[in-house]
Amino acid sequence: MDKRRQEKERDAERRSGNLVLLVLFVLFVLIVGIGLWLVNAMVDARRIDDCISQSMRNCNAIEVPPPR
């Protein structure tokens, strides 16, 4: 009976350890995704700022639909 209890405790510890690893992995992916989004936003802002500082007009890109 004591061995079964120890095995159950070990299994519970393994499961909680796996859960912690899963949560850490999800947080890591989330932080990397937010970082990539932030870098993209900063690059776009710098590009527009450079365009405006050179006294240019129409600095925003015009999106043209693909030809049919």
C-alpha atoms as a PDB file:
ATOM      1  CA  MET A   1       0.000   0.000   0.000  1.00  0.00           C
ATOM      2  CA  ASP A   2       2.866   2.357   0.778  1.00  0.00           C
ATOM      3  CA  LYS A   3       4.452   1.679  -2.630  1.00  0.00           C
ATOM      4  CA  ARG A   4       1.228   2.539  -4.428  1.00  0.00           C
ATOM      5  CA  ARG A   5       0.994   5.831  -2.585  1.00  0.00           C
ATOM      6  CA  GLN A   6       4.608   6.665  -3.490  1.00  0.00           C
ATOM      7  CA  GLU A   7       3.980   5.778  -7.133  1.00  0.00           C
ATOM      8  CA  LYS A   8       0.883   7.989  -7.203  1.00  0.00           C
ATOM      9  CA  GLU A   9       2.853  10.859  -5.673  1.00  0.00           C
ATOM     10  CA  ARG A  10       5.624  10.432  -8.253  1.00  0.00           C
ATOM     11  CA  ASP A  11       3.082  10.379 -11.068  1.00  0.00           C
ATOM     12  CA  ALA A  12       1.446  13.528  -9.710  1.00  0.00           C
ATOM     13  CA  GLU A  13       4.848  15.245  -9.485  1.00  0.00           C
ATOM     14  CA  ARG A  14       5.661  14.249 -13.070  1.00  0.00           C
ATOM     15  CA  ARG A  15       2.330  15.564 -14.315  1.00  0.00           C
ATOM     16  CA  SER A  16       2.731  18.852 -12.478  1.00  0.00           C
ATOM     17  CA  GLY A  17       6.291  19.143 -13.817  1.00  0.00           C
ATOM     18  CA  ASN A  18       5.051  18.546 -17.359  1.00  0.00           C
ATOM     19  CA  LEU A  19       2.341  21.144 -16.850  1.00  0.00           C
ATOM     20  CA  VAL A  20       4.918  23.685 -15.671  1.00  0.00           C
ATOM     21  CA  LEU A  21       7.064  22.984 -18.745  1.00  0.00           C
ATOM     22  CA  LEU A  22       4.049  23.386 -21.017  1.00  0.00           C
ATOM     23  CA  VAL A  23       3.115  26.708 -19.419  1.00  0.00           C
ATOM     24  CA  LEU A  24       6.702  27.960 -19.707  1.00  0.00           C
ATOM     25  CA  PHE A  25       6.829  26.939 -23.373  1.00  0.00           C
ATOM     26  CA  VAL A  26       3.559  28.733 -24.130  1.00  0.00           C
ATOM     27  CA  LEU A  27       4.810  31.858 -22.354  1.00  0.00           C
ATOM     28  CA  PHE A  28       8.079  31.696 -24.296  1.00  0.00           C
ATOM     29  CA  VAL A  29       6.246  31.421 -27.629  1.00  0.00           C
ATOM     30  CA  LEU A  30       3.935  34.272 -26.627  1.00  0.00           C
ATOM     31  CA  ILE A  31       6.831  36.544 -25.641  1.00  0.00           C
ATOM     32  CA  VAL A  32       8.708  35.776 -28.874  1.00  0.00           C
ATOM     33  CA  GLY A  33       5.566  36.478 -30.916  1.00  0.00           C
ATOM     34  CA  ILE A  34       4.984  39.794 -29.157  1.00  0.00           C
ATOM     35  CA  GLY A  35       8.645  40.686 -29.665  1.00  0.00           C
ATOM     36  CA  LEU A  36       8.447  40.003 -33.394  1.00  0.00           C
ATOM     37  CA  TRP A  37       5.275  42.067 -33.694  1.00  0.00           C
ATOM     38  CA  LEU A  38       6.906  44.937 -31.792  1.00  0.00           C
ATOM     39  CA  VAL A  39      10.029  44.876 -33.975  1.00  0.00           C
ATOM     40  CA  ASN A  40       7.860  44.941 -37.115  1.00  0.00           C
ATOM     41  CA  ALA A  41       5.880  47.898 -35.784  1.00  0.00           C
ATOM     42  CA  MET A  42       9.089  49.766 -34.936  1.00  0.00           C
ATOM     43  CA  VAL A  43      10.566  49.151 -38.394  1.00  0.00           C
ATOM     44  CA  ASP A  44       7.388  50.433 -40.056  1.00  0.00           C
ATOM     45  CA  ALA A  45       7.341  53.502 -37.821  1.00  0.00           C
ATOM     46  CA  ARG A  46      11.009  54.226 -38.581  1.00  0.00           C
ATOM     47  CA  ARG A  47      10.404  53.886 -42.324  1.00  0.00           C
ATOM     48  CA  ILE A  48       7.484  56.307 -42.202  1.00  0.00           C
ATOM     49  CA  ASP A  49       9.423  58.692 -39.946  1.00  0.00           C
ATOM     50  CA  ASP A  50      12.366  58.700 -42.383  1.00  0.00           C
ATOM     51  CA  CYS A  51      10.011  59.417 -45.263  1.00  0.00           C
ATOM     52  CA  ILE A  52       8.303  62.277 -43.433  1.00  0.00           C
ATOM     53  CA  SER A  53      11.598  63.784 -42.236  1.00  0.00           C
ATOM     54  CA  GLN A  54      12.702  64.048 -45.877  1.00  0.00           C
ATOM     55  CA  SER A  55       9.577  66.146 -46.566  1.00  0.00           C
ATOM     56  CA  MET A  56       8.082  63.502 -48.817  1.00  0.00           C
ATOM     57  CA  ARG A  57       4.377  62.972 -49.261  1.00  0.00           C
ATOM     58  CA  ASN A  58       2.330  59.792 -49.501  1.00  0.00           C
ATOM     59  CA  CYS A  59       4.701  57.837 -47.286  1.00  0.00           C
ATOM     60  CA  ASN A  60       2.210  55.033 -46.637  1.00  0.00           C
ATOM     61  CA  ALA A  61       2.450  52.097 -48.993  1.00  0.00           C
ATOM     62  CA  ILE A  62      -0.418  51.695 -51.425  1.00  0.00           C
ATOM     63  CA  GLU A  63      -1.641  48.150 -51.601  1.00  0.00           C
ATOM     64  CA  VAL A  64      -2.586  47.095 -55.105  1.00  0.00           C
ATOM     65  CA  PRO A  65      -4.722  43.981 -55.537  1.00  0.00           C
ATOM     66  CA  PRO A  66      -3.132  41.254 -57.664  1.00  0.00           C
ATOM     67  CA  PRO A  67      -4.157  41.174 -61.326  1.00  0.00           C
ATOM     68  CA  ARG A  68      -6.912  38.777 -62.276  1.00  0.00           C
END
